[in-house]
Amino acid sequence: MLTEEAVASKSEAQDVSQVLERQLSERTASTSKAPYSSGPTRRGKLEGEVTVVKPDGRRGDGEAKVVSQSAALKKLAEVHDTLLQSGKAEDCARLVQSMIEEGRWSAKQIDRALKGGRIIFFLALPRQPKLLPAALSYIRLLPVGPKDYTCVINACARARNVDSAIEVLEIMKERGVAASFFDYSGVISTAAKAGDYHRAMGLFQRAREEGVTDVSLWNALLEACKESGQFQRGYELFEEMQASGETANLTTFNTMVSLAAKGGDFPKALDFYHQLVSSGLSPDARTATVLFSAMAANPCPSVSPHSLYQELINAGVRPDSFMWSAFFNAVHSVQKPGELEAALEVYTKEVKPAAAARAFSPGDKRFVYSALLNACAKAGKVDYAFGIRNDMIRSGISPDAHASTSLIRACGEVFQVQRALEYFDEVSADPSSPAMHYGHNRPGGPLAVHNAILDVLVKAGEMTKAMEILEGMRESDEWKPNLIAYNTVLMGCAYNKQMMRAFL
């Protein structure tokens, strides 16, 4: 249903159309009988152009106004753009639908006047997912071009809206528009991101039946196997693809590395990496990131993080912030002798210069620093950890709750309780500190900081201080203790044989 503003805008556009219709019906009379006529109607470039005069027969200011079909459509376009710019995309679509249903103009005429492809491109932009329903409405209403269908299919993929993506494919079929491999790979990717393997397979088979083939279709199907947990089926399809004569590209191998990694099979992921290299392709930072993530989740005794890092660098990989973060996380998980020292050397020689040169964004810097802080914390390298914290501050990144938690835990690993308390007091004294706000993508960040200091204190037997901090949390309006906090203190009471405190 149209809003009041849309109804008013529609009426404004209709007024122009009605004037046009009235003048066109009186065209002969106004050009041959009326004493106030300006003579024969001027014939311009636009069909249907007529002379318009005031109802009392006088010209306006001595000049005639020219109204045409194109002028009326232009007015509609102006009204439509005003609504669109005010963020009323759904009203715009309803306005267009209403005008088409009333038969004043054809869908083709309105599409040309509004430049439908431009509107759909705007509505399907990656950062505007809420406008996708409006984009779908325009696809249903207007006879747009092939690229516009692809644009909306990609928007559906980002929104994981499988039904809408398939609907666009059906609209194309009804209108006789041939779907390209871009369209099919987009729809299969939509099903993949939604974890719907069976739909992805059905669409893949439909594409092949229509003679649409490309490695991108295989890649999208393999992605569907990964997202839906069909790991063995993914391995089988990879072999089928090779047997069919389709040549795997870098995306194919990266998908297979990721599939094996998600399946918890690091040796298999490493095998796909070696196949990638032996096929003559060059791995990229994404390949490396996935490999290190797989190693962090399922360490392999025969492969160390630093040796793999060197192998990837020698293969021509140019590290980015994601690769460094994954590498440091692998070091944190594996904890092999000498690995942290090697990671710190990489940090000093490669990461710090890149950070100083602003080679990556502040958010990416935070990920890198946090990953290395975790590794230092687990190894109890307190001085290294605080040195990295100082580097963070110098680079303009204030330690958030996640980083602060790592620093406190680093102190706890080597029983530097006083240092942990001093740091906790420093960050908790400033409510505006990032450590006292939600951590980067970590809801409840401040609670994690409090829980970390409680853990350090109870392990050191400092129950009086632990109870004091717990009481402060209970009195706080901002961060009430959660189950982890209470369990930590209760276990501390039991471990330190102070069970009477548990009832306080």
Protein backbone atom coordinates (compact mmCIF):
# COMPACT_ATOMS: atom_id res chain seq x y z
CA MET A 1 0.00 0.00 0.00
CA LEU A 2 1.30 3.43 -0.93
CA THR A 3 2.21 5.86 1.86
CA GLU A 4 0.74 9.37 1.93
CA GLU A 5 3.95 10.80 0.48
CA ALA A 6 3.95 8.24 -2.32
CA VAL A 7 0.26 8.91 -3.06
CA ALA A 8 0.98 12.64 -3.28
CA SER A 9 3.96 11.99 -5.55
CA LYS A 10 1.88 9.70 -7.72
CA SER A 11 -0.87 12.34 -8.01
CA GLU A 12 1.68 14.93 -9.04
CA ALA A 13 2.92 12.68 -11.84
CA GLN A 14 -0.66 11.82 -12.85
CA ASP A 15 -1.62 15.50 -13.11
CA VAL A 16 0.94 15.95 -15.84
CA SER A 17 -0.28 12.81 -17.58
CA GLN A 18 -3.92 13.92 -17.44
CA VAL A 19 -3.10 17.34 -18.90
CA LEU A 20 -1.27 15.54 -21.67
CA GLU A 21 -4.22 13.26 -22.43
CA ARG A 22 -6.73 16.13 -22.46
CA GLN A 23 -4.56 18.20 -24.76
CA LEU A 24 -3.91 15.32 -27.10
CA SER A 25 -7.64 14.62 -27.44
CA GLU A 26 -8.29 18.28 -28.28
CA ARG A 27 -5.29 18.62 -30.53
CA THR A 28 -7.24 19.12 -33.75
CA ALA A 29 -9.67 21.61 -32.24
CA SER A 30 -6.98 23.62 -30.54
CA THR A 31 -4.98 23.96 -33.74
CA SER A 32 -7.85 24.82 -36.19
CA LYS A 33 -10.76 26.42 -34.30
CA ALA A 34 -9.62 28.13 -31.17
CA PRO A 35 -9.13 31.91 -31.64
CA TYR A 36 -6.39 31.88 -29.05
CA SER A 37 -4.42 29.09 -30.70
CA SER A 38 -0.81 29.75 -31.43
CA GLY A 39 -1.25 28.26 -34.86
CA PRO A 40 -0.29 24.78 -35.96
CA THR A 41 1.12 22.67 -33.21
CA ARG A 42 4.87 22.74 -33.17
CA ARG A 43 6.37 19.41 -34.09
CA GLY A 44 9.53 18.70 -32.19
CA LYS A 45 11.66 15.65 -31.68
CA LEU A 46 9.24 14.09 -29.21
CA GLU A 47 6.10 12.35 -30.44
CA GLY A 48 2.85 13.68 -28.98
CA GLU A 49 4.17 17.18 -28.28
CA VAL A 50 1.31 19.75 -28.09
CA THR A 51 0.69 23.39 -27.21
CA VAL A 52 -0.98 23.93 -23.84
CA VAL A 53 -2.87 27.11 -22.94
CA LYS A 54 -4.68 28.25 -19.81
CA PRO A 55 -8.38 27.27 -19.36
CA ASP A 56 -9.55 30.88 -19.96
CA GLY A 57 -7.90 30.88 -23.37
CA ARG A 58 -4.99 33.12 -22.47
CA ARG A 59 -1.38 32.17 -22.87
CA GLY A 60 0.71 32.15 -19.75
CA ASP A 61 2.95 35.22 -19.82
CA GLY A 62 2.69 35.24 -23.57
CA GLU A 63 4.34 31.88 -23.88
CA ALA A 64 2.87 28.43 -24.36
CA LYS A 65 3.88 25.55 -22.17
CA VAL A 66 4.89 22.40 -23.96
CA VAL A 67 3.85 19.15 -22.40
CA SER A 68 4.64 15.78 -23.94
CA GLN A 69 4.61 12.12 -23.13
CA SER A 70 8.33 12.39 -22.47
CA ALA A 71 7.78 15.41 -20.22
CA ALA A 72 5.24 13.51 -18.15
CA LEU A 73 7.62 10.58 -17.83
CA LYS A 74 10.39 12.98 -16.90
CA LYS A 75 8.19 14.33 -14.12
CA LEU A 76 7.54 10.80 -12.91
CA ALA A 77 11.30 10.16 -12.90
CA GLU A 78 11.87 13.30 -10.81
CA VAL A 79 9.21 12.30 -8.29
CA HIS A 80 10.64 8.78 -8.18
CA ASP A 81 14.21 10.02 -7.61
CA THR A 82 13.03 12.28 -4.80
CA LEU A 83 11.43 9.34 -3.04
CA LEU A 84 14.48 7.14 -3.63
CA GLN A 85 16.89 9.75 -2.26
CA SER A 86 14.78 10.04 0.88
CA GLY A 87 15.30 6.31 1.50
CA LYS A 88 11.81 5.18 0.48
CA ALA A 89 12.83 2.45 -1.95
CA GLU A 90 9.78 0.26 -1.30
CA ASP A 91 7.48 3.24 -1.92
CA CYS A 92 9.30 3.85 -5.20
CA ALA A 93 8.68 0.28 -6.30
CA ARG A 94 5.00 0.47 -5.32
CA LEU A 95 4.65 3.76 -7.21
CA VAL A 96 6.08 2.19 -10.36
CA GLN A 97 3.87 -0.88 -9.96
CA SER A 98 0.78 1.30 -9.55
CA MET A 99 1.54 3.34 -12.68
CA ILE A 100 2.13 0.19 -14.74
CA GLU A 101 -1.09 -1.44 -13.50
CA GLU A 102 -3.12 1.65 -14.43
CA GLY A 103 -1.79 1.37 -17.97
CA ARG A 104 -0.70 4.98 -18.39
CA TRP A 105 2.73 3.87 -19.53
CA SER A 106 4.25 0.55 -20.42
CA ALA A 107 6.92 -1.10 -18.29
CA LYS A 108 9.39 -0.50 -21.11
CA GLN A 109 8.64 3.25 -21.19
CA ILE A 110 9.03 3.55 -17.43
CA ASP A 111 12.25 1.53 -17.50
CA ARG A 112 13.74 3.93 -20.05
CA ALA A 113 12.57 7.01 -18.16
CA LEU A 114 13.84 5.82 -14.78
CA LYS A 115 16.98 4.14 -16.13
CA GLY A 116 16.03 0.96 -14.31
CA GLY A 117 19.48 -0.58 -14.52
CA ARG A 118 20.99 2.35 -12.62
CA ILE A 119 18.38 2.02 -9.88
CA ILE A 120 18.87 -1.73 -9.55
CA PHE A 121 22.65 -1.30 -9.35
CA PHE A 122 22.16 1.19 -6.50
CA LEU A 123 19.67 -1.01 -4.64
CA ALA A 124 21.88 -4.11 -4.96
CA LEU A 125 25.06 -2.52 -3.58
CA PRO A 126 26.91 -4.69 -1.01
CA ARG A 127 26.47 -2.23 1.84
CA GLN A 128 22.72 -1.93 1.42
CA PRO A 129 21.25 -5.39 2.13
CA LYS A 130 17.97 -3.91 3.37
CA LEU A 131 17.25 -2.60 -0.12
CA LEU A 132 17.33 -6.07 -1.70
CA PRO A 133 13.50 -6.50 -1.58
CA ALA A 134 13.10 -3.27 -3.55
CA ALA A 135 15.68 -4.43 -6.10
CA LEU A 136 13.71 -7.66 -6.53
CA SER A 137 10.53 -5.64 -7.06
CA TYR A 138 12.14 -3.70 -9.91
CA ILE A 139 13.37 -6.94 -11.48
CA ARG A 140 9.78 -8.24 -11.43
CA LEU A 141 8.34 -5.01 -12.85
CA LEU A 142 10.80 -3.76 -15.46
CA PRO A 143 12.34 -5.34 -18.59
CA VAL A 144 15.92 -4.78 -17.42
CA GLY A 145 19.15 -5.92 -19.06
CA PRO A 146 21.16 -9.14 -18.48
CA LYS A 147 23.71 -7.43 -16.23
CA ASP A 148 20.94 -6.24 -13.92
CA TYR A 149 19.78 -9.80 -13.29
CA THR A 150 23.34 -10.81 -12.44
CA CYS A 151 23.66 -7.83 -10.11
CA VAL A 152 20.58 -8.83 -8.11
CA ILE A 153 21.60 -12.51 -8.03
CA ASN A 154 24.92 -11.47 -6.46
CA ALA A 155 23.02 -9.39 -3.90
CA CYS A 156 20.90 -12.46 -3.10
CA ALA A 157 24.12 -14.45 -2.59
CA ARG A 158 25.39 -11.90 -0.07
CA ALA A 159 22.05 -12.10 1.75
CA ARG A 160 22.00 -15.94 1.47
CA ASN A 161 18.52 -15.64 -0.03
CA VAL A 162 18.28 -18.77 -2.17
CA ASP A 163 14.58 -18.48 -3.00
CA SER A 164 14.95 -14.96 -4.40
CA ALA A 165 18.03 -15.90 -6.45
CA ILE A 166 16.15 -18.81 -8.03
CA GLU A 167 13.17 -16.52 -8.65
CA VAL A 168 15.42 -14.15 -10.63
CA LEU A 169 16.62 -17.13 -12.67
CA GLU A 170 13.00 -18.10 -13.40
CA ILE A 171 12.11 -14.53 -14.43
CA MET A 172 15.01 -14.60 -16.88
CA LYS A 173 13.74 -17.87 -18.33
CA GLU A 174 10.18 -16.52 -18.72
CA ARG A 175 11.48 -13.45 -20.53
CA GLY A 176 13.72 -15.45 -22.82
CA VAL A 177 16.95 -14.12 -21.32
CA ALA A 178 19.70 -16.75 -21.42
CA ALA A 179 21.43 -17.25 -18.08
CA SER A 180 25.22 -17.08 -18.30
CA PHE A 181 27.74 -18.93 -16.18
CA PHE A 182 27.97 -15.73 -14.10
CA ASP A 183 24.27 -16.06 -13.27
CA TYR A 184 24.41 -19.78 -12.51
CA SER A 185 27.58 -19.52 -10.43
CA GLY A 186 25.91 -16.69 -8.51
CA VAL A 187 22.78 -18.73 -7.77
CA ILE A 188 24.83 -21.81 -6.83
CA SER A 189 26.98 -19.59 -4.58
CA THR A 190 23.80 -18.34 -2.92
CA ALA A 191 22.83 -21.92 -2.10
CA ALA A 192 26.41 -22.60 -0.99
CA LYS A 193 26.45 -19.69 1.45
CA ALA A 194 23.13 -20.87 2.82
CA GLY A 195 24.64 -24.35 3.32
CA ASP A 196 22.07 -25.90 0.96
CA TYR A 197 24.09 -28.54 -0.88
CA HIS A 198 21.12 -30.30 -2.50
CA ARG A 199 19.80 -27.12 -4.10
CA ALA A 200 23.29 -26.22 -5.24
CA MET A 201 23.66 -29.63 -6.89
CA GLY A 202 20.26 -29.29 -8.59
CA LEU A 203 21.20 -25.89 -10.00
CA PHE A 204 24.57 -27.21 -11.14
CA GLN A 205 22.90 -30.05 -13.04
CA ARG A 206 20.38 -27.63 -14.56
CA ALA A 207 23.21 -25.42 -15.81
CA ARG A 208 24.95 -28.38 -17.43
CA GLU A 209 21.71 -29.46 -19.11
CA GLU A 210 21.43 -25.98 -20.60
CA GLY A 211 24.99 -26.20 -21.87
CA VAL A 212 26.41 -23.70 -19.38
CA THR A 213 29.81 -24.88 -18.18
CA ASP A 214 32.68 -23.14 -16.45
CA VAL A 215 35.13 -23.80 -13.65
CA SER A 216 33.28 -21.17 -11.57
CA LEU A 217 30.26 -23.50 -11.40
CA TRP A 218 32.43 -26.29 -9.99
CA ASN A 219 33.98 -23.85 -7.52
CA ALA A 220 30.55 -22.76 -6.30
CA LEU A 221 29.44 -26.38 -5.91
CA LEU A 222 32.59 -27.28 -3.98
CA GLU A 223 31.94 -24.27 -1.74
CA ALA A 224 28.46 -25.67 -1.10
CA CYS A 225 30.03 -28.97 -0.01
CA LYS A 226 32.28 -27.09 2.39
CA GLU A 227 29.52 -24.97 3.91
CA SER A 228 27.14 -27.92 4.33
CA GLY A 229 29.76 -30.25 5.79
CA GLN A 230 29.73 -32.61 2.78
CA PHE A 231 33.50 -33.06 2.92
CA GLN A 232 33.76 -36.52 1.35
CA ARG A 233 31.36 -35.49 -1.40
CA GLY A 234 33.57 -32.48 -2.03
CA TYR A 235 36.62 -34.71 -2.54
CA GLU A 236 34.62 -36.86 -4.98
CA LEU A 237 33.39 -33.85 -6.96
CA PHE A 238 36.94 -32.52 -7.21
CA GLU A 239 37.99 -35.81 -8.83
CA GLU A 240 34.93 -35.69 -11.13
CA MET A 241 35.88 -32.19 -12.20
CA GLN A 242 39.40 -33.26 -13.10
CA ALA A 243 38.07 -36.31 -14.96
CA SER A 244 35.70 -34.07 -16.96
CA GLY A 245 38.65 -32.13 -18.34
CA GLU A 246 37.86 -28.91 -16.47
CA THR A 247 41.07 -27.24 -15.30
CA ALA A 248 41.18 -26.28 -11.63
CA ASN A 249 42.20 -22.69 -10.91
CA LEU A 250 43.49 -20.99 -7.78
CA THR A 251 39.97 -20.53 -6.41
CA THR A 252 39.34 -24.27 -6.84
CA PHE A 253 42.42 -25.25 -4.85
CA ASN A 254 41.80 -22.61 -2.19
CA THR A 255 38.28 -23.97 -1.78
CA MET A 256 39.61 -27.52 -1.43
CA VAL A 257 42.23 -26.44 1.10
CA SER A 258 39.48 -24.68 3.04
CA LEU A 259 37.15 -27.68 2.73
CA ALA A 260 39.76 -30.04 4.15
CA ALA A 261 40.61 -27.54 6.87
CA LYS A 262 36.98 -27.21 7.91
CA GLY A 263 36.74 -30.99 7.94
CA GLY A 264 39.59 -31.08 10.47
CA ASP A 265 42.00 -32.78 8.09
CA PHE A 266 45.16 -30.66 8.04
CA PRO A 267 47.27 -33.28 6.16
CA LYS A 268 44.61 -33.32 3.42
CA ALA A 269 44.62 -29.51 3.29
CA LEU A 270 48.40 -29.59 2.96
CA ASP A 271 48.09 -32.15 0.16
CA PHE A 272 45.77 -29.87 -1.82
CA TYR A 273 48.26 -27.05 -1.32
CA HIS A 274 51.03 -29.21 -2.79
CA GLN A 275 48.75 -30.11 -5.73
CA LEU A 276 48.21 -26.39 -6.27
CA VAL A 277 51.94 -25.75 -6.47
CA SER A 278 52.64 -28.79 -8.68
CA SER A 279 49.94 -27.64 -11.13
CA GLY A 280 51.99 -24.52 -11.84
CA LEU A 281 49.75 -22.11 -9.94
CA SER A 282 51.04 -19.69 -7.32
CA PRO A 283 49.44 -19.74 -3.85
CA ASP A 284 48.21 -16.48 -2.39
CA ALA A 285 47.68 -15.06 1.09
CA ARG A 286 44.25 -16.68 1.29
CA THR A 287 45.83 -20.11 0.72
CA ALA A 288 48.26 -19.43 3.54
CA THR A 289 45.59 -18.08 5.88
CA VAL A 290 43.45 -21.19 5.48
CA LEU A 291 46.45 -23.50 5.97
CA PHE A 292 47.50 -21.80 9.19
CA SER A 293 43.91 -21.81 10.45
CA ALA A 294 43.76 -25.56 9.76
CA MET A 295 47.06 -26.06 11.56
CA ALA A 296 45.83 -24.08 14.58
CA ALA A 297 42.73 -26.28 14.82
CA ASN A 298 44.50 -29.60 14.11
CA PRO A 299 48.28 -29.38 14.62
CA CYS A 300 50.49 -31.78 12.69
CA PRO A 301 53.63 -32.99 14.53
CA SER A 302 55.67 -33.17 11.32
CA VAL A 303 55.02 -29.56 10.25
CA SER A 304 55.89 -26.46 12.24
CA PRO A 305 54.23 -23.06 11.70
CA HIS A 306 57.48 -21.30 10.86
CA SER A 307 58.67 -23.93 8.39
CA LEU A 308 55.32 -23.69 6.58
CA TYR A 309 55.58 -19.90 6.67
CA GLN A 310 58.98 -20.01 4.99
CA GLU A 311 57.72 -22.50 2.40
CA LEU A 312 54.84 -20.19 1.52
CA ILE A 313 57.09 -17.14 1.28
CA ASN A 314 59.46 -19.07 -1.01
CA ALA A 315 56.45 -19.99 -3.17
CA GLY A 316 55.82 -16.30 -3.75
CA VAL A 317 53.09 -15.55 -1.23
CA ARG A 318 52.88 -11.91 -0.19
CA PRO A 319 51.70 -11.85 3.45
CA ASP A 320 48.78 -9.71 4.54
CA SER A 321 47.26 -9.03 7.95
CA PHE A 322 45.02 -12.11 7.78
CA MET A 323 47.94 -14.40 6.98
CA TRP A 324 50.02 -12.97 9.83
CA SER A 325 47.11 -13.31 12.26
CA ALA A 326 46.56 -16.94 11.25
CA PHE A 327 50.31 -17.66 11.50
CA PHE A 328 50.49 -16.22 15.03
CA ASN A 329 47.37 -18.18 16.02
CA ALA A 330 49.03 -21.37 14.75
CA VAL A 331 52.11 -20.57 16.84
CA HIS A 332 49.82 -20.05 19.83
CA SER A 333 48.13 -23.43 19.30
CA VAL A 334 51.16 -25.54 18.40
CA GLN A 335 53.57 -24.27 21.08
CA LYS A 336 56.64 -25.97 19.65
CA PRO A 337 60.08 -24.98 20.99
CA GLY A 338 61.53 -22.01 19.14
CA GLU A 339 58.30 -21.21 17.29
CA LEU A 340 57.42 -18.14 19.35
CA GLU A 341 60.92 -16.73 18.90
CA ALA A 342 60.64 -17.28 15.14
CA ALA A 343 57.22 -15.59 15.16
CA LEU A 344 58.60 -12.62 17.06
CA GLU A 345 61.35 -12.32 14.46
CA VAL A 346 58.71 -12.25 11.71
CA TYR A 347 56.88 -9.61 13.71
CA THR A 348 59.98 -7.45 14.08
CA LYS A 349 61.22 -7.75 10.49
CA GLU A 350 57.93 -7.81 8.58
CA VAL A 351 54.85 -6.88 10.57
CA LYS A 352 56.14 -3.79 12.38
CA PRO A 353 57.45 -2.12 9.19
CA ALA A 354 54.17 -2.91 7.42
CA ALA A 355 52.17 -1.46 10.32
CA ALA A 356 54.35 1.66 10.36
CA ALA A 357 53.80 2.07 6.62
CA ARG A 358 50.03 1.72 7.18
CA ALA A 359 49.90 -1.31 4.92
CA PHE A 360 46.70 -2.45 6.62
CA SER A 361 43.75 -0.90 8.42
CA PRO A 362 43.53 -0.25 12.19
CA GLY A 363 41.04 -3.10 12.51
CA ASP A 364 43.42 -5.51 10.77
CA LYS A 365 46.28 -4.30 12.97
CA ARG A 366 44.21 -5.16 16.01
CA PHE A 367 43.73 -8.73 14.78
CA VAL A 368 47.48 -9.16 14.18
CA TYR A 369 48.51 -7.74 17.55
CA SER A 370 45.87 -9.77 19.41
CA ALA A 371 46.99 -13.02 17.78
CA LEU A 372 50.63 -12.44 18.75
CA LEU A 373 49.64 -11.35 22.26
CA ASN A 374 47.78 -14.66 22.66
CA ALA A 375 50.90 -16.59 21.66
CA CYS A 376 53.04 -14.60 24.10
CA ALA A 377 50.48 -15.03 26.87
CA LYS A 378 50.34 -18.81 26.53
CA ALA A 379 54.14 -18.99 26.58
CA GLY A 380 54.31 -16.65 29.58
CA LYS A 381 56.46 -14.13 27.69
CA VAL A 382 55.30 -11.14 29.74
CA ASP A 383 57.96 -8.66 28.65
CA TYR A 384 57.39 -9.47 24.99
CA ALA A 385 53.64 -9.14 25.50
CA PHE A 386 53.89 -5.69 27.07
CA GLY A 387 56.38 -4.65 24.40
CA ILE A 388 53.80 -5.55 21.74
CA ARG A 389 51.18 -3.65 23.74
CA ASN A 390 53.42 -0.56 23.62
CA ASP A 391 53.82 -1.02 19.85
CA MET A 392 50.03 -1.12 19.57
CA ILE A 393 49.68 2.18 21.37
CA ARG A 394 52.43 3.81 19.30
CA SER A 395 50.66 2.72 16.13
CA GLY A 396 47.45 4.35 17.31
CA ILE A 397 45.66 1.19 18.50
CA SER A 398 44.51 1.13 22.12
CA PRO A 399 44.39 -2.40 23.56
CA ASP A 400 40.79 -3.61 23.71
CA ALA A 401 39.29 -6.16 26.08
CA HIS A 402 40.68 -9.09 24.10
CA ALA A 403 44.25 -7.73 24.15
CA SER A 404 43.99 -6.75 27.82
CA THR A 405 42.80 -10.23 28.73
CA SER A 406 45.86 -11.72 26.99
CA LEU A 407 48.20 -9.39 28.89
CA ILE A 408 46.68 -10.33 32.25
CA ARG A 409 46.84 -14.04 31.43
CA ALA A 410 50.48 -13.66 30.35
CA CYS A 411 51.26 -12.35 33.83
CA GLY A 412 49.33 -15.23 35.36
CA GLU A 413 51.35 -17.84 33.45
CA VAL A 414 54.52 -16.79 35.32
CA PHE A 415 52.76 -15.77 38.56
CA GLN A 416 53.45 -12.05 38.18
CA VAL A 417 50.30 -11.28 40.15
CA GLN A 418 51.27 -7.75 41.12
CA ARG A 419 51.96 -6.79 37.52
CA ALA A 420 48.61 -8.25 36.47
CA LEU A 421 46.84 -6.25 39.20
CA GLU A 422 48.62 -3.04 38.25
CA TYR A 423 47.57 -3.44 34.64
CA PHE A 424 44.00 -4.32 35.62
CA ASP A 425 43.81 -1.22 37.85
CA GLU A 426 45.18 0.88 34.99
CA VAL A 427 42.55 -0.16 32.46
CA SER A 428 39.60 -0.40 34.86
CA ALA A 429 40.29 3.09 36.27
CA ASP A 430 39.36 4.59 32.89
CA PRO A 431 35.74 3.77 31.93
CA SER A 432 36.38 5.16 28.45
CA SER A 433 39.23 2.71 27.88
CA PRO A 434 38.64 0.29 24.96
CA ALA A 435 39.33 -2.53 27.43
CA MET A 436 36.21 -1.48 29.31
CA HIS A 437 34.10 -1.64 26.19
CA TYR A 438 33.16 -4.56 24.00
CA GLY A 439 36.22 -6.17 22.48
CA HIS A 440 36.69 -6.35 18.72
CA ASN A 441 33.86 -8.68 17.66
CA ARG A 442 33.81 -10.06 21.21
CA PRO A 443 30.55 -9.29 23.07
CA GLY A 444 31.05 -8.94 26.81
CA GLY A 445 34.68 -7.84 26.54
CA PRO A 446 34.92 -6.08 29.92
CA LEU A 447 33.69 -9.20 31.69
CA ALA A 448 36.50 -11.17 30.05
CA VAL A 449 39.04 -8.74 31.56
CA HIS A 450 37.50 -9.11 35.03
CA ASN A 451 37.30 -12.88 34.71
CA ALA A 452 40.97 -13.00 33.67
CA ILE A 453 42.17 -11.15 36.76
CA LEU A 454 39.93 -13.33 38.96
CA ASP A 455 41.53 -16.43 37.43
CA VAL A 456 45.04 -15.10 38.06
CA LEU A 457 44.21 -14.21 41.67
CA VAL A 458 42.57 -17.50 42.67
CA LYS A 459 45.42 -19.52 41.12
CA ALA A 460 47.86 -17.47 43.18
CA GLY A 461 45.79 -17.96 46.34
CA GLU A 462 44.92 -14.25 46.58
CA MET A 463 41.31 -14.92 47.59
CA THR A 464 40.82 -11.70 49.55
CA LYS A 465 41.60 -9.58 46.51
CA ALA A 466 39.54 -11.87 44.27
CA MET A 467 36.51 -11.48 46.56
CA GLU A 468 37.03 -7.71 46.59
CA ILE A 469 36.95 -7.55 42.77
CA LEU A 470 33.93 -9.87 42.63
CA GLU A 471 32.08 -7.63 45.08
CA GLY A 472 32.95 -4.59 42.95
CA MET A 473 31.49 -6.37 39.93
CA ARG A 474 28.28 -7.13 41.85
CA GLU A 475 27.89 -3.47 42.79
CA SER A 476 28.61 -2.27 39.27
CA ASP A 477 25.78 -1.26 36.93
CA GLU A 478 27.91 -1.93 33.84
CA TRP A 479 29.33 -5.43 34.24
CA LYS A 480 27.64 -7.82 36.61
CA PRO A 481 29.52 -11.07 37.28
CA ASN A 482 28.51 -13.95 35.03
CA LEU A 483 28.60 -17.70 35.61
CA ILE A 484 32.30 -17.86 34.69
CA ALA A 485 33.17 -15.28 37.35
CA TYR A 486 31.25 -17.10 40.09
CA ASN A 487 32.63 -20.51 39.09
CA THR A 488 36.19 -19.15 39.10
CA VAL A 489 35.84 -17.80 42.63
CA LEU A 490 34.02 -20.91 43.93
CA MET A 491 36.74 -23.17 42.54
CA GLY A 492 39.32 -20.88 44.13
CA CYS A 493 37.57 -21.19 47.48
CA ALA A 494 37.61 -24.98 47.20
CA TYR A 495 41.22 -25.15 45.99
CA ASN A 496 42.46 -22.82 48.71
CA LYS A 497 40.31 -24.52 51.39
CA GLN A 498 38.36 -21.36 52.12
CA MET A 499 34.84 -22.69 51.62
CA MET A 500 33.34 -20.29 54.16
CA ARG A 501 34.01 -17.49 51.67
CA ALA A 502 31.81 -19.30 49.16
CA PHE A 503 28.75 -18.57 51.31
CA LEU A 504 29.46 -14.84 51.63
